[in-house]
Full PDB file with SEQRES, HELIX, SHEET, SSBOND, CRYST1, ORIGX, SCALE, CONECT and MASTER records, all heavy atoms in Angstrom:
SEQRES   1 A   42  ALA ALA ILE GLU TYR ALA GLY ARG TRP ARG ASP MET PRO          
SEQRES   2 A   42  LYS VAL VAL PHE SER SER ARG THR SER THR VAL ASP TRP          
SEQRES   3 A   42  ASN THR ARG LEU VAL THR GLY ASP ALA VAL THR GLU ILE          
SEQRES   4 A   42  THR ARG LEU                                                  
HELIX    1 AA1 ALA A    2  ASP A   11  1                                  10    
HELIX    2 AA2 ALA A   35  ARG A   41  1                                   7    
SHEET    1 AA1 2 LYS A  14  PHE A  17  0                                        
SHEET    2 AA1 2 THR A  28  VAL A  31  1                                        
CRYST1    1.000    1.000    1.000  90.00  90.00  90.00 P 1           1          
ORIGX1      1.000000  0.000000  0.000000        0.00000                         
ORIGX2      0.000000  1.000000  0.000000        0.00000                         
ORIGX3      0.000000  0.000000  1.000000        0.00000                         
SCALE1      1.000000  0.000000  0.000000        0.00000                         
SCALE2      0.000000  1.000000  0.000000        0.00000                         
SCALE3      0.000000  0.000000  1.000000        0.00000                         
ATOM      1  N   ALA A   1     -22.343  -3.702 -19.072  1.00  0.00           N  
ATOM      2  CA  ALA A   1     -21.002  -3.890 -19.715  1.00  0.00           C  
ATOM      3  C   ALA A   1     -19.948  -3.894 -18.576  1.00  0.00           C  
ATOM      4  O   ALA A   1     -19.017  -4.695 -18.593  1.00  0.00           O  
ATOM      5  CB  ALA A   1     -20.690  -2.721 -20.622  1.00  0.00           C  
ATOM      6  N   ALA A   2     -20.125  -3.051 -17.530  1.00  0.00           N  
ATOM      7  CA  ALA A   2     -19.131  -3.058 -16.415  1.00  0.00           C  
ATOM      8  C   ALA A   2     -19.255  -4.331 -15.594  1.00  0.00           C  
ATOM      9  O   ALA A   2     -18.259  -4.878 -15.193  1.00  0.00           O  
ATOM     10  CB  ALA A   2     -19.382  -1.827 -15.556  1.00  0.00           C  
ATOM     11  N   ILE A   3     -20.487  -4.841 -15.458  1.00  0.00           N  
ATOM     12  CA  ILE A   3     -20.656  -6.084 -14.699  1.00  0.00           C  
ATOM     13  C   ILE A   3     -19.982  -7.248 -15.476  1.00  0.00           C  
ATOM     14  O   ILE A   3     -19.301  -8.076 -14.929  1.00  0.00           O  
ATOM     15  CB  ILE A   3     -22.180  -6.357 -14.503  1.00  0.00           C  
ATOM     16  CG1 ILE A   3     -22.717  -5.263 -13.514  1.00  0.00           C  
ATOM     17  CG2 ILE A   3     -22.472  -7.778 -14.043  1.00  0.00           C  
ATOM     18  CD1 ILE A   3     -24.288  -5.286 -13.492  1.00  0.00           C  
ATOM     19  N   GLU A   4     -20.220  -7.251 -16.803  1.00  0.00           N  
ATOM     20  CA  GLU A   4     -19.563  -8.313 -17.600  1.00  0.00           C  
ATOM     21  C   GLU A   4     -18.010  -8.214 -17.526  1.00  0.00           C  
ATOM     22  O   GLU A   4     -17.362  -9.254 -17.307  1.00  0.00           O  
ATOM     23  CB  GLU A   4     -19.970  -8.149 -19.046  1.00  0.00           C  
ATOM     24  CG  GLU A   4     -19.339  -9.148 -20.019  1.00  0.00           C  
ATOM     25  CD  GLU A   4     -19.750  -8.898 -21.452  1.00  0.00           C  
ATOM     26  OE1 GLU A   4     -19.461  -7.790 -22.000  1.00  0.00           O  
ATOM     27  OE2 GLU A   4     -20.369  -9.813 -22.010  1.00  0.00           O  
ATOM     28  N   TYR A   5     -17.454  -7.003 -17.642  1.00  0.00           N  
ATOM     29  CA  TYR A   5     -16.062  -6.826 -17.629  1.00  0.00           C  
ATOM     30  C   TYR A   5     -15.439  -7.224 -16.265  1.00  0.00           C  
ATOM     31  O   TYR A   5     -14.448  -7.888 -16.233  1.00  0.00           O  
ATOM     32  CB  TYR A   5     -15.661  -5.379 -17.968  1.00  0.00           C  
ATOM     33  CG  TYR A   5     -14.151  -5.173 -18.049  1.00  0.00           C  
ATOM     34  CD1 TYR A   5     -13.525  -5.234 -19.284  1.00  0.00           C  
ATOM     35  CD2 TYR A   5     -13.411  -4.888 -16.951  1.00  0.00           C  
ATOM     36  CE1 TYR A   5     -12.153  -5.082 -19.369  1.00  0.00           C  
ATOM     37  CE2 TYR A   5     -12.037  -4.735 -16.991  1.00  0.00           C  
ATOM     38  CZ  TYR A   5     -11.447  -4.778 -18.250  1.00  0.00           C  
ATOM     39  OH  TYR A   5     -10.081  -4.617 -18.344  1.00  0.00           O  
ATOM     40  N   ALA A   6     -16.140  -6.862 -15.214  1.00  0.00           N  
ATOM     41  CA  ALA A   6     -15.649  -7.165 -13.885  1.00  0.00           C  
ATOM     42  C   ALA A   6     -15.522  -8.667 -13.691  1.00  0.00           C  
ATOM     43  O   ALA A   6     -14.497  -9.224 -13.174  1.00  0.00           O  
ATOM     44  CB  ALA A   6     -16.496  -6.545 -12.792  1.00  0.00           C  
ATOM     45  N   GLY A   7     -16.495  -9.410 -14.081  1.00  0.00           N  
ATOM     46  CA  GLY A   7     -16.514 -10.864 -13.983  1.00  0.00           C  
ATOM     47  C   GLY A   7     -15.403 -11.478 -14.824  1.00  0.00           C  
ATOM     48  O   GLY A   7     -14.697 -12.354 -14.401  1.00  0.00           O  
ATOM     49  N   ARG A   8     -15.238 -10.995 -16.057  1.00  0.00           N  
ATOM     50  CA  ARG A   8     -14.214 -11.468 -16.959  1.00  0.00           C  
ATOM     51  C   ARG A   8     -12.839 -11.179 -16.343  1.00  0.00           C  
ATOM     52  O   ARG A   8     -11.935 -12.028 -16.441  1.00  0.00           O  
ATOM     53  CB  ARG A   8     -14.333 -10.870 -18.314  1.00  0.00           C  
ATOM     54  CG  ARG A   8     -15.510 -11.364 -19.121  1.00  0.00           C  
ATOM     55  CD  ARG A   8     -15.686 -10.637 -20.444  1.00  0.00           C  
ATOM     56  NE  ARG A   8     -16.612 -11.304 -21.300  1.00  0.00           N  
ATOM     57  CZ  ARG A   8     -16.970 -10.929 -22.520  1.00  0.00           C  
ATOM     58  NH1 ARG A   8     -16.369  -9.837 -23.063  1.00  0.00           N  
ATOM     59  NH2 ARG A   8     -17.742 -11.628 -23.252  1.00  0.00           N  
ATOM     60  N   TRP A   9     -12.651  -9.944 -15.823  1.00  0.00           N  
ATOM     61  CA  TRP A   9     -11.389  -9.631 -15.243  1.00  0.00           C  
ATOM     62  C   TRP A   9     -11.014 -10.493 -14.068  1.00  0.00           C  
ATOM     63  O   TRP A   9      -9.901 -10.984 -13.939  1.00  0.00           O  
ATOM     64  CB  TRP A   9     -11.374  -8.144 -14.877  1.00  0.00           C  
ATOM     65  CG  TRP A   9     -10.013  -7.670 -14.422  1.00  0.00           C  
ATOM     66  CD1 TRP A   9      -8.959  -7.231 -15.194  1.00  0.00           C  
ATOM     67  CD2 TRP A   9      -9.506  -7.655 -13.038  1.00  0.00           C  
ATOM     68  NE1 TRP A   9      -7.914  -6.952 -14.417  1.00  0.00           N  
ATOM     69  CE2 TRP A   9      -8.158  -7.167 -13.116  1.00  0.00           C  
ATOM     70  CE3 TRP A   9     -10.043  -7.984 -11.856  1.00  0.00           C  
ATOM     71  CZ2 TRP A   9      -7.383  -7.062 -11.966  1.00  0.00           C  
ATOM     72  CZ3 TRP A   9      -9.310  -7.815 -10.667  1.00  0.00           C  
ATOM     73  CH2 TRP A   9      -7.960  -7.377 -10.760  1.00  0.00           C  
ATOM     74  N   ARG A  10     -11.983 -10.702 -13.132  1.00  0.00           N  
ATOM     75  CA  ARG A  10     -11.687 -11.556 -11.991  1.00  0.00           C  
ATOM     76  C   ARG A  10     -11.347 -12.973 -12.419  1.00  0.00           C  
ATOM     77  O   ARG A  10     -10.432 -13.586 -11.789  1.00  0.00           O  
ATOM     78  CB  ARG A  10     -12.886 -11.598 -11.049  1.00  0.00           C  
ATOM     79  CG  ARG A  10     -13.057 -10.418 -10.154  1.00  0.00           C  
ATOM     80  CD  ARG A  10     -14.119 -10.609  -9.091  1.00  0.00           C  
ATOM     81  NE  ARG A  10     -15.384 -11.067  -9.596  1.00  0.00           N  
ATOM     82  CZ  ARG A  10     -16.369 -10.274  -9.912  1.00  0.00           C  
ATOM     83  NH1 ARG A  10     -16.288  -8.982  -9.799  1.00  0.00           N  
ATOM     84  NH2 ARG A  10     -17.519 -10.753 -10.395  1.00  0.00           N  
ATOM     85  N   ASP A  11     -12.016 -13.489 -13.394  1.00  0.00           N  
ATOM     86  CA  ASP A  11     -11.774 -14.865 -13.850  1.00  0.00           C  
ATOM     87  C   ASP A  11     -10.503 -15.055 -14.599  1.00  0.00           C  
ATOM     88  O   ASP A  11      -9.975 -16.185 -14.660  1.00  0.00           O  
ATOM     89  CB  ASP A  11     -12.972 -15.329 -14.677  1.00  0.00           C  
ATOM     90  CG  ASP A  11     -14.264 -15.511 -13.951  1.00  0.00           C  
ATOM     91  OD1 ASP A  11     -14.218 -15.508 -12.666  1.00  0.00           O  
ATOM     92  OD2 ASP A  11     -15.343 -15.585 -14.588  1.00  0.00           O  
ATOM     93  N   MET A  12     -10.046 -14.046 -15.285  1.00  0.00           N  
ATOM     94  CA  MET A  12      -8.832 -14.147 -16.103  1.00  0.00           C  
ATOM     95  C   MET A  12      -7.621 -14.409 -15.274  1.00  0.00           C  
ATOM     96  O   MET A  12      -7.343 -13.743 -14.244  1.00  0.00           O  
ATOM     97  CB  MET A  12      -8.643 -12.831 -16.879  1.00  0.00           C  
ATOM     98  CG  MET A  12      -7.367 -12.760 -17.736  1.00  0.00           C  
ATOM     99  SD  MET A  12      -7.235 -11.162 -18.538  1.00  0.00           S  
ATOM    100  CE  MET A  12      -7.185 -10.009 -17.157  1.00  0.00           C  
ATOM    101  N   PRO A  13      -6.840 -15.474 -15.604  1.00  0.00           N  
ATOM    102  CA  PRO A  13      -5.588 -15.741 -14.876  1.00  0.00           C  
ATOM    103  C   PRO A  13      -4.643 -14.554 -15.058  1.00  0.00           C  
ATOM    104  O   PRO A  13      -4.499 -14.017 -16.155  1.00  0.00           O  
ATOM    105  CB  PRO A  13      -5.026 -16.984 -15.557  1.00  0.00           C  
ATOM    106  CG  PRO A  13      -6.218 -17.605 -16.214  1.00  0.00           C  
ATOM    107  CD  PRO A  13      -7.136 -16.490 -16.622  1.00  0.00           C  
ATOM    108  N   LYS A  14      -3.947 -14.145 -13.942  1.00  0.00           N  
ATOM    109  CA  LYS A  14      -3.105 -13.014 -13.963  1.00  0.00           C  
ATOM    110  C   LYS A  14      -1.793 -13.291 -13.206  1.00  0.00           C  
ATOM    111  O   LYS A  14      -1.800 -14.046 -12.274  1.00  0.00           O  
ATOM    112  CB  LYS A  14      -3.804 -11.829 -13.318  1.00  0.00           C  
ATOM    113  CG  LYS A  14      -5.065 -11.369 -14.049  1.00  0.00           C  
ATOM    114  CD  LYS A  14      -5.844 -10.350 -13.255  1.00  0.00           C  
ATOM    115  CE  LYS A  14      -6.722 -10.883 -12.199  1.00  0.00           C  
ATOM    116  NZ  LYS A  14      -7.799 -11.786 -12.588  1.00  0.00           N  
ATOM    117  N   VAL A  15      -0.729 -12.647 -13.665  1.00  0.00           N  
ATOM    118  CA  VAL A  15       0.512 -12.674 -12.971  1.00  0.00           C  
ATOM    119  C   VAL A  15       0.911 -11.217 -12.714  1.00  0.00           C  
ATOM    120  O   VAL A  15       0.941 -10.435 -13.617  1.00  0.00           O  
ATOM    121  CB  VAL A  15       1.631 -13.412 -13.739  1.00  0.00           C  
ATOM    122  CG1 VAL A  15       2.960 -13.316 -13.027  1.00  0.00           C  
ATOM    123  CG2 VAL A  15       1.263 -14.852 -14.034  1.00  0.00           C  
ATOM    124  N   VAL A  16       1.290 -10.930 -11.497  1.00  0.00           N  
ATOM    125  CA  VAL A  16       1.759  -9.546 -11.170  1.00  0.00           C  
ATOM    126  C   VAL A  16       3.242  -9.675 -10.879  1.00  0.00           C  
ATOM    127  O   VAL A  16       3.679 -10.537 -10.054  1.00  0.00           O  
ATOM    128  CB  VAL A  16       1.008  -8.963  -9.915  1.00  0.00           C  
ATOM    129  CG1 VAL A  16       1.614  -7.670  -9.492  1.00  0.00           C  
ATOM    130  CG2 VAL A  16      -0.502  -8.827 -10.263  1.00  0.00           C  
ATOM    131  N   PHE A  17       4.014  -8.825 -11.524  1.00  0.00           N  
ATOM    132  CA  PHE A  17       5.449  -8.728 -11.276  1.00  0.00           C  
ATOM    133  C   PHE A  17       5.720  -7.503 -10.415  1.00  0.00           C  
ATOM    134  O   PHE A  17       5.534  -6.383 -10.821  1.00  0.00           O  
ATOM    135  CB  PHE A  17       6.195  -8.551 -12.616  1.00  0.00           C  
ATOM    136  CG  PHE A  17       6.039  -9.765 -13.472  1.00  0.00           C  
ATOM    137  CD1 PHE A  17       4.932  -9.953 -14.304  1.00  0.00           C  
ATOM    138  CD2 PHE A  17       7.035 -10.750 -13.537  1.00  0.00           C  
ATOM    139  CE1 PHE A  17       4.763 -11.087 -15.073  1.00  0.00           C  
ATOM    140  CE2 PHE A  17       6.936 -11.859 -14.340  1.00  0.00           C  
ATOM    141  CZ  PHE A  17       5.805 -12.052 -15.101  1.00  0.00           C  
ATOM    142  N   SER A  18       6.210  -7.779  -9.161  1.00  0.00           N  
ATOM    143  CA  SER A  18       6.445  -6.689  -8.245  1.00  0.00           C  
ATOM    144  C   SER A  18       7.309  -7.157  -7.095  1.00  0.00           C  
ATOM    145  O   SER A  18       7.178  -8.250  -6.567  1.00  0.00           O  
ATOM    146  CB  SER A  18       5.168  -6.126  -7.655  1.00  0.00           C  
ATOM    147  OG  SER A  18       5.410  -5.137  -6.743  1.00  0.00           O  
ATOM    148  N   SER A  19       8.232  -6.307  -6.656  1.00  0.00           N  
ATOM    149  CA  SER A  19       8.968  -6.626  -5.446  1.00  0.00           C  
ATOM    150  C   SER A  19       8.431  -5.837  -4.281  1.00  0.00           C  
ATOM    151  O   SER A  19       8.850  -6.013  -3.128  1.00  0.00           O  
ATOM    152  CB  SER A  19      10.457  -6.253  -5.679  1.00  0.00           C  
ATOM    153  OG  SER A  19      10.586  -4.891  -6.035  1.00  0.00           O  
ATOM    154  N   ARG A  20       7.447  -4.943  -4.537  1.00  0.00           N  
ATOM    155  CA  ARG A  20       6.802  -4.149  -3.494  1.00  0.00           C  
ATOM    156  C   ARG A  20       5.499  -4.751  -3.000  1.00  0.00           C  
ATOM    157  O   ARG A  20       5.107  -4.496  -1.844  1.00  0.00           O  
ATOM    158  CB  ARG A  20       6.565  -2.757  -3.975  1.00  0.00           C  
ATOM    159  CG  ARG A  20       7.810  -1.930  -4.179  1.00  0.00           C  
ATOM    160  CD  ARG A  20       7.361  -0.503  -4.516  1.00  0.00           C  
ATOM    161  NE  ARG A  20       8.480   0.365  -4.767  1.00  0.00           N  
ATOM    162  CZ  ARG A  20       8.321   1.588  -5.271  1.00  0.00           C  
ATOM    163  NH1 ARG A  20       7.166   2.050  -5.571  1.00  0.00           N  
ATOM    164  NH2 ARG A  20       9.360   2.338  -5.486  1.00  0.00           N  
ATOM    165  N   THR A  21       4.761  -5.337  -3.898  1.00  0.00           N  
ATOM    166  CA  THR A  21       3.478  -5.905  -3.540  1.00  0.00           C  
ATOM    167  C   THR A  21       3.646  -7.243  -2.796  1.00  0.00           C  
ATOM    168  O   THR A  21       4.552  -8.018  -3.120  1.00  0.00           O  
ATOM    169  CB  THR A  21       2.646  -6.228  -4.849  1.00  0.00           C  
ATOM    170  OG1 THR A  21       2.552  -4.998  -5.594  1.00  0.00           O  
ATOM    171  CG2 THR A  21       1.275  -6.722  -4.575  1.00  0.00           C  
ATOM    172  N   SER A  22       2.867  -7.410  -1.792  1.00  0.00           N  
ATOM    173  CA  SER A  22       3.051  -8.605  -0.918  1.00  0.00           C  
ATOM    174  C   SER A  22       1.928  -9.644  -1.099  1.00  0.00           C  
ATOM    175  O   SER A  22       2.129 -10.810  -0.899  1.00  0.00           O  
ATOM    176  CB  SER A  22       3.205  -8.216   0.563  1.00  0.00           C  
ATOM    177  OG  SER A  22       2.034  -7.545   0.998  1.00  0.00           O  
ATOM    178  N   THR A  23       0.717  -9.189  -1.462  1.00  0.00           N  
ATOM    179  CA  THR A  23      -0.361 -10.115  -1.656  1.00  0.00           C  
ATOM    180  C   THR A  23      -1.153  -9.702  -2.926  1.00  0.00           C  
ATOM    181  O   THR A  23      -1.267  -8.596  -3.240  1.00  0.00           O  
ATOM    182  CB  THR A  23      -1.349 -10.144  -0.483  1.00  0.00           C  
ATOM    183  OG1 THR A  23      -1.870  -8.816  -0.294  1.00  0.00           O  
ATOM    184  CG2 THR A  23      -0.669 -10.548   0.791  1.00  0.00           C  
ATOM    185  N   VAL A  24      -1.690 -10.778  -3.564  1.00  0.00           N  
ATOM    186  CA  VAL A  24      -2.566 -10.595  -4.694  1.00  0.00           C  
ATOM    187  C   VAL A  24      -3.771 -11.535  -4.562  1.00  0.00           C  
ATOM    188  O   VAL A  24      -3.770 -12.447  -3.781  1.00  0.00           O  
ATOM    189  CB  VAL A  24      -1.824 -10.825  -6.028  1.00  0.00           C  
ATOM    190  CG1 VAL A  24      -0.732  -9.760  -6.299  1.00  0.00           C  
ATOM    191  CG2 VAL A  24      -1.225 -12.238  -6.061  1.00  0.00           C  
ATOM    192  N   ASP A  25      -4.806 -11.257  -5.299  1.00  0.00           N  
ATOM    193  CA  ASP A  25      -6.027 -12.046  -5.161  1.00  0.00           C  
ATOM    194  C   ASP A  25      -6.653 -12.070  -6.582  1.00  0.00           C  
ATOM    195  O   ASP A  25      -6.092 -11.570  -7.550  1.00  0.00           O  
ATOM    196  CB  ASP A  25      -6.975 -11.412  -4.168  1.00  0.00           C  
ATOM    197  CG  ASP A  25      -7.932 -12.398  -3.590  1.00  0.00           C  
ATOM    198  OD1 ASP A  25      -8.088 -13.515  -4.112  1.00  0.00           O  
ATOM    199  OD2 ASP A  25      -8.519 -12.101  -2.537  1.00  0.00           O  
ATOM    200  N   TRP A  26      -7.845 -12.651  -6.681  1.00  0.00           N  
ATOM    201  CA  TRP A  26      -8.644 -12.668  -7.904  1.00  0.00           C  
ATOM    202  C   TRP A  26      -7.916 -13.407  -9.020  1.00  0.00           C  
ATOM    203  O   TRP A  26      -7.654 -12.918 -10.105  1.00  0.00           O  
ATOM    204  CB  TRP A  26      -9.011 -11.252  -8.368  1.00  0.00           C  
ATOM    205  CG  TRP A  26      -9.651 -10.504  -7.243  1.00  0.00           C  
ATOM    206  CD1 TRP A  26     -10.858 -10.724  -6.688  1.00  0.00           C  
ATOM    207  CD2 TRP A  26      -9.039  -9.432  -6.520  1.00  0.00           C  
ATOM    208  NE1 TRP A  26     -11.064  -9.821  -5.630  1.00  0.00           N  
ATOM    209  CE2 TRP A  26      -9.973  -9.058  -5.506  1.00  0.00           C  
ATOM    210  CE3 TRP A  26      -7.839  -8.766  -6.590  1.00  0.00           C  
ATOM    211  CZ2 TRP A  26      -9.675  -8.017  -4.592  1.00  0.00           C  
ATOM    212  CZ3 TRP A  26      -7.572  -7.786  -5.718  1.00  0.00           C  
ATOM    213  CH2 TRP A  26      -8.518  -7.428  -4.755  1.00  0.00           C  
ATOM    214  N   ASN A  27      -7.547 -14.731  -8.769  1.00  0.00           N  
ATOM    215  CA  ASN A  27      -7.013 -15.588  -9.793  1.00  0.00           C  
ATOM    216  C   ASN A  27      -5.634 -15.051 -10.231  1.00  0.00           C  
ATOM    217  O   ASN A  27      -5.338 -15.025 -11.434  1.00  0.00           O  
ATOM    218  CB  ASN A  27      -7.929 -15.693 -10.968  1.00  0.00           C  
ATOM    219  CG  ASN A  27      -7.702 -16.963 -11.740  1.00  0.00           C  
ATOM    220  OD1 ASN A  27      -7.072 -17.909 -11.305  1.00  0.00           O  
ATOM    221  ND2 ASN A  27      -8.225 -16.994 -12.995  1.00  0.00           N  
ATOM    222  N   THR A  28      -4.849 -14.626  -9.298  1.00  0.00           N  
ATOM    223  CA  THR A  28      -3.555 -13.937  -9.584  1.00  0.00           C  
ATOM    224  C   THR A  28      -2.402 -14.556  -8.829  1.00  0.00           C  
ATOM    225  O   THR A  28      -2.587 -14.990  -7.682  1.00  0.00           O  
ATOM    226  CB  THR A  28      -3.671 -12.418  -9.201  1.00  0.00           C  
ATOM    227  OG1 THR A  28      -4.800 -11.884  -9.849  1.00  0.00           O  
ATOM    228  CG2 THR A  28      -2.447 -11.693  -9.589  1.00  0.00           C  
ATOM    229  N   ARG A  29      -1.266 -14.596  -9.484  1.00  0.00           N  
ATOM    230  CA  ARG A  29      -0.029 -15.103  -8.872  1.00  0.00           C  
ATOM    231  C   ARG A  29       1.016 -13.985  -8.874  1.00  0.00           C  
ATOM    232  O   ARG A  29       1.028 -13.182  -9.754  1.00  0.00           O  
ATOM    233  CB  ARG A  29       0.498 -16.260  -9.705  1.00  0.00           C  
ATOM    234  CG  ARG A  29       1.779 -16.908  -9.219  1.00  0.00           C  
ATOM    235  CD  ARG A  29       2.072 -18.175 -10.015  1.00  0.00           C  
ATOM    236  NE  ARG A  29       2.330 -17.975 -11.420  1.00  0.00           N  
ATOM    237  CZ  ARG A  29       3.571 -17.679 -11.959  1.00  0.00           C  
ATOM    238  NH1 ARG A  29       4.619 -17.554 -11.125  1.00  0.00           N  
ATOM    239  NH2 ARG A  29       3.722 -17.558 -13.233  1.00  0.00           N  
ATOM    240  N   LEU A  30       1.801 -13.888  -7.781  1.00  0.00           N  
ATOM    241  CA  LEU A  30       2.826 -12.835  -7.634  1.00  0.00           C  
ATOM    242  C   LEU A  30       4.202 -13.400  -7.987  1.00  0.00           C  
ATOM    243  O   LEU A  30       4.523 -14.501  -7.528  1.00  0.00           O  
ATOM    244  CB  LEU A  30       2.808 -12.314  -6.217  1.00  0.00           C  
ATOM    245  CG  LEU A  30       3.826 -11.284  -5.863  1.00  0.00           C  
ATOM    246  CD1 LEU A  30       3.608  -9.965  -6.631  1.00  0.00           C  
ATOM    247  CD2 LEU A  30       3.815 -10.994  -4.327  1.00  0.00           C  
ATOM    248  N   VAL A  31       4.939 -12.648  -8.758  1.00  0.00           N  
ATOM    249  CA  VAL A  31       6.326 -12.971  -9.142  1.00  0.00           C  
ATOM    250  C   VAL A  31       7.195 -11.839  -8.652  1.00  0.00           C  
ATOM    251  O   VAL A  31       6.980 -10.687  -9.010  1.00  0.00           O  
ATOM    252  CB  VAL A  31       6.504 -13.201 -10.630  1.00  0.00           C  
ATOM    253  CG1 VAL A  31       7.990 -13.379 -10.973  1.00  0.00           C  
ATOM    254  CG2 VAL A  31       5.703 -14.415 -11.129  1.00  0.00           C  
ATOM    255  N   THR A  32       8.185 -12.168  -7.801  1.00  0.00           N  
ATOM    256  CA  THR A  32       9.112 -11.126  -7.262  1.00  0.00           C  
ATOM    257  C   THR A  32      10.490 -11.204  -7.900  1.00  0.00           C  
ATOM    258  O   THR A  32      11.294 -10.295  -7.737  1.00  0.00           O  
ATOM    259  CB  THR A  32       9.215 -11.232  -5.739  1.00  0.00           C  
ATOM    260  OG1 THR A  32       9.699 -12.525  -5.415  1.00  0.00           O  
ATOM    261  CG2 THR A  32       7.886 -10.990  -5.058  1.00  0.00           C  
ATOM    262  N   GLY A  33      10.746 -12.246  -8.674  1.00  0.00           N  
ATOM    263  CA  GLY A  33      12.047 -12.441  -9.286  1.00  0.00           C  
ATOM    264  C   GLY A  33      12.145 -11.727 -10.635  1.00  0.00           C  
ATOM    265  O   GLY A  33      11.355 -10.809 -10.971  1.00  0.00           O  
ATOM    266  N   ASP A  34      13.134 -12.116 -11.423  1.00  0.00           N  
ATOM    267  CA  ASP A  34      13.398 -11.516 -12.727  1.00  0.00           C  
ATOM    268  C   ASP A  34      12.225 -11.684 -13.663  1.00  0.00           C  
ATOM    269  O   ASP A  34      11.873 -12.817 -14.042  1.00  0.00           O  
ATOM    270  CB  ASP A  34      14.673 -12.097 -13.316  1.00  0.00           C  
ATOM    271  CG  ASP A  34      15.048 -11.509 -14.629  1.00  0.00           C  
ATOM    272  OD1 ASP A  34      15.344 -10.297 -14.683  1.00  0.00           O  
ATOM    273  OD2 ASP A  34      14.994 -12.198 -15.654  1.00  0.00           O  
ATOM    274  N   ALA A  35      11.700 -10.571 -14.103  1.00  0.00           N  
ATOM    275  CA  ALA A  35      10.514 -10.577 -14.975  1.00  0.00           C  
ATOM    276  C   ALA A  35      10.824 -11.209 -16.375  1.00  0.00           C  
ATOM    277  O   ALA A  35      10.023 -12.018 -16.866  1.00  0.00           O  
ATOM    278  CB  ALA A  35       9.946  -9.166 -15.175  1.00  0.00           C  
ATOM    279  N   VAL A  36      11.941 -10.835 -16.963  1.00  0.00           N  
ATOM    280  CA  VAL A  36      12.252 -11.311 -18.316  1.00  0.00           C  
ATOM    281  C   VAL A  36      12.399 -12.901 -18.309  1.00  0.00           C  
ATOM    282  O   VAL A  36      11.892 -13.556 -19.194  1.00  0.00           O  
ATOM    283  CB  VAL A  36      13.503 -10.653 -18.893  1.00  0.00           C  
ATOM    284  CG1 VAL A  36      13.994 -11.321 -20.122  1.00  0.00           C  
ATOM    285  CG2 VAL A  36      13.186  -9.138 -19.135  1.00  0.00           C  
ATOM    286  N   THR A  37      13.049 -13.411 -17.283  1.00  0.00           N  
ATOM    287  CA  THR A  37      13.225 -14.875 -17.166  1.00  0.00           C  
ATOM    288  C   THR A  37      11.815 -15.513 -17.036  1.00  0.00           C  
ATOM    289  O   THR A  37      11.565 -16.512 -17.709  1.00  0.00           O  
ATOM    290  CB  THR A  37      14.072 -15.189 -15.980  1.00  0.00           C  
ATOM    291  OG1 THR A  37      15.379 -14.588 -16.130  1.00  0.00           O  
ATOM    292  CG2 THR A  37      14.210 -16.720 -15.766  1.00  0.00           C  
ATOM    293  N   GLU A  38      11.009 -15.009 -16.188  1.00  0.00           N  
ATOM    294  CA  GLU A  38       9.642 -15.615 -16.025  1.00  0.00           C  
ATOM    295  C   GLU A  38       8.787 -15.456 -17.261  1.00  0.00           C  
ATOM    296  O   GLU A  38       8.049 -16.430 -17.645  1.00  0.00           O  
ATOM    297  CB  GLU A  38       8.919 -14.976 -14.798  1.00  0.00           C  
ATOM    298  CG  GLU A  38       7.574 -15.599 -14.530  1.00  0.00           C  
ATOM    299  CD  GLU A  38       7.551 -17.095 -14.151  1.00  0.00           C  
ATOM    300  OE1 GLU A  38       8.611 -17.690 -14.012  1.00  0.00           O  
ATOM    301  OE2 GLU A  38       6.428 -17.648 -14.073  1.00  0.00           O  
ATOM    302  N   ILE A  39       8.825 -14.304 -17.921  1.00  0.00           N  
ATOM    303  CA  ILE A  39       8.006 -14.100 -19.142  1.00  0.00           C  
ATOM    304  C   ILE A  39       8.509 -15.100 -20.217  1.00  0.00           C  
ATOM    305  O   ILE A  39       7.674 -15.704 -20.969  1.00  0.00           O  
ATOM    306  CB  ILE A  39       8.077 -12.667 -19.614  1.00  0.00           C  
ATOM    307  CG1 ILE A  39       7.345 -11.766 -18.586  1.00  0.00           C  
ATOM    308  CG2 ILE A  39       7.423 -12.523 -21.000  1.00  0.00           C  
ATOM    309  CD1 ILE A  39       7.567 -10.244 -18.796  1.00  0.00           C  
ATOM    310  N   THR A  40       9.780 -15.248 -20.339  1.00  0.00           N  
ATOM    311  CA  THR A  40      10.354 -16.195 -21.311  1.00  0.00           C  
ATOM    312  C   THR A  40       9.864 -17.601 -21.004  1.00  0.00           C  
ATOM    313  O   THR A  40       9.474 -18.383 -21.953  1.00  0.00           O  
ATOM    314  CB  THR A  40      11.887 -16.093 -21.294  1.00  0.00           C  
ATOM    315  OG1 THR A  40      12.314 -14.818 -21.587  1.00  0.00           O  
ATOM    316  CG2 THR A  40      12.498 -17.099 -22.279  1.00  0.00           C  
ATOM    317  N   ARG A  41       9.849 -17.990 -19.747  1.00  0.00           N  
ATOM    318  CA  ARG A  41       9.363 -19.313 -19.360  1.00  0.00           C  
ATOM    319  C   ARG A  41       7.861 -19.458 -19.688  1.00  0.00           C  
ATOM    320  O   ARG A  41       7.455 -20.477 -20.242  1.00  0.00           O  
ATOM    321  CB  ARG A  41       9.598 -19.548 -17.860  1.00  0.00           C  
ATOM    322  CG  ARG A  41       9.249 -20.948 -17.350  1.00  0.00           C  
ATOM    323  CD  ARG A  41       9.325 -21.059 -15.846  1.00  0.00           C  
ATOM    324  NE  ARG A  41       8.152 -20.432 -15.217  1.00  0.00           N  
ATOM    325  CZ  ARG A  41       6.900 -20.898 -15.218  1.00  0.00           C  
ATOM    326  NH1 ARG A  41       6.580 -22.011 -15.826  1.00  0.00           N  
ATOM    327  NH2 ARG A  41       5.960 -20.259 -14.593  1.00  0.00           N  
ATOM    328  N   LEU A  42       7.120 -18.462 -19.371  1.00  0.00           N  
ATOM    329  CA  LEU A  42       5.673 -18.532 -19.633  1.00  0.00           C  
ATOM    330  C   LEU A  42       5.361 -18.591 -21.138  1.00  0.00           C  
ATOM    331  O   LEU A  42       4.475 -19.317 -21.574  1.00  0.00           O  
ATOM    332  CB  LEU A  42       4.946 -17.264 -19.035  1.00  0.00           C  
ATOM    333  CG  LEU A  42       4.870 -17.244 -17.498  1.00  0.00           C  
ATOM    334  CD1 LEU A  42       4.451 -15.838 -17.053  1.00  0.00           C  
ATOM    335  CD2 LEU A  42       3.932 -18.297 -17.065  1.00  0.00           C  
TER     336      LEU A  42                                                      
MASTER        0    0    0    2    2    0    0    6  335    1    0    4          
END                                                                             
């Protein structure tokens, strides 16, 4: 079950909202701007 979840989690597209984080990985994009504006757009 953990093996299945780990693979699913890595494969799932992700967006991280942070002004402190500088890098992300594992099918992830970083957003440092206004979260509400970006969520509305998405």
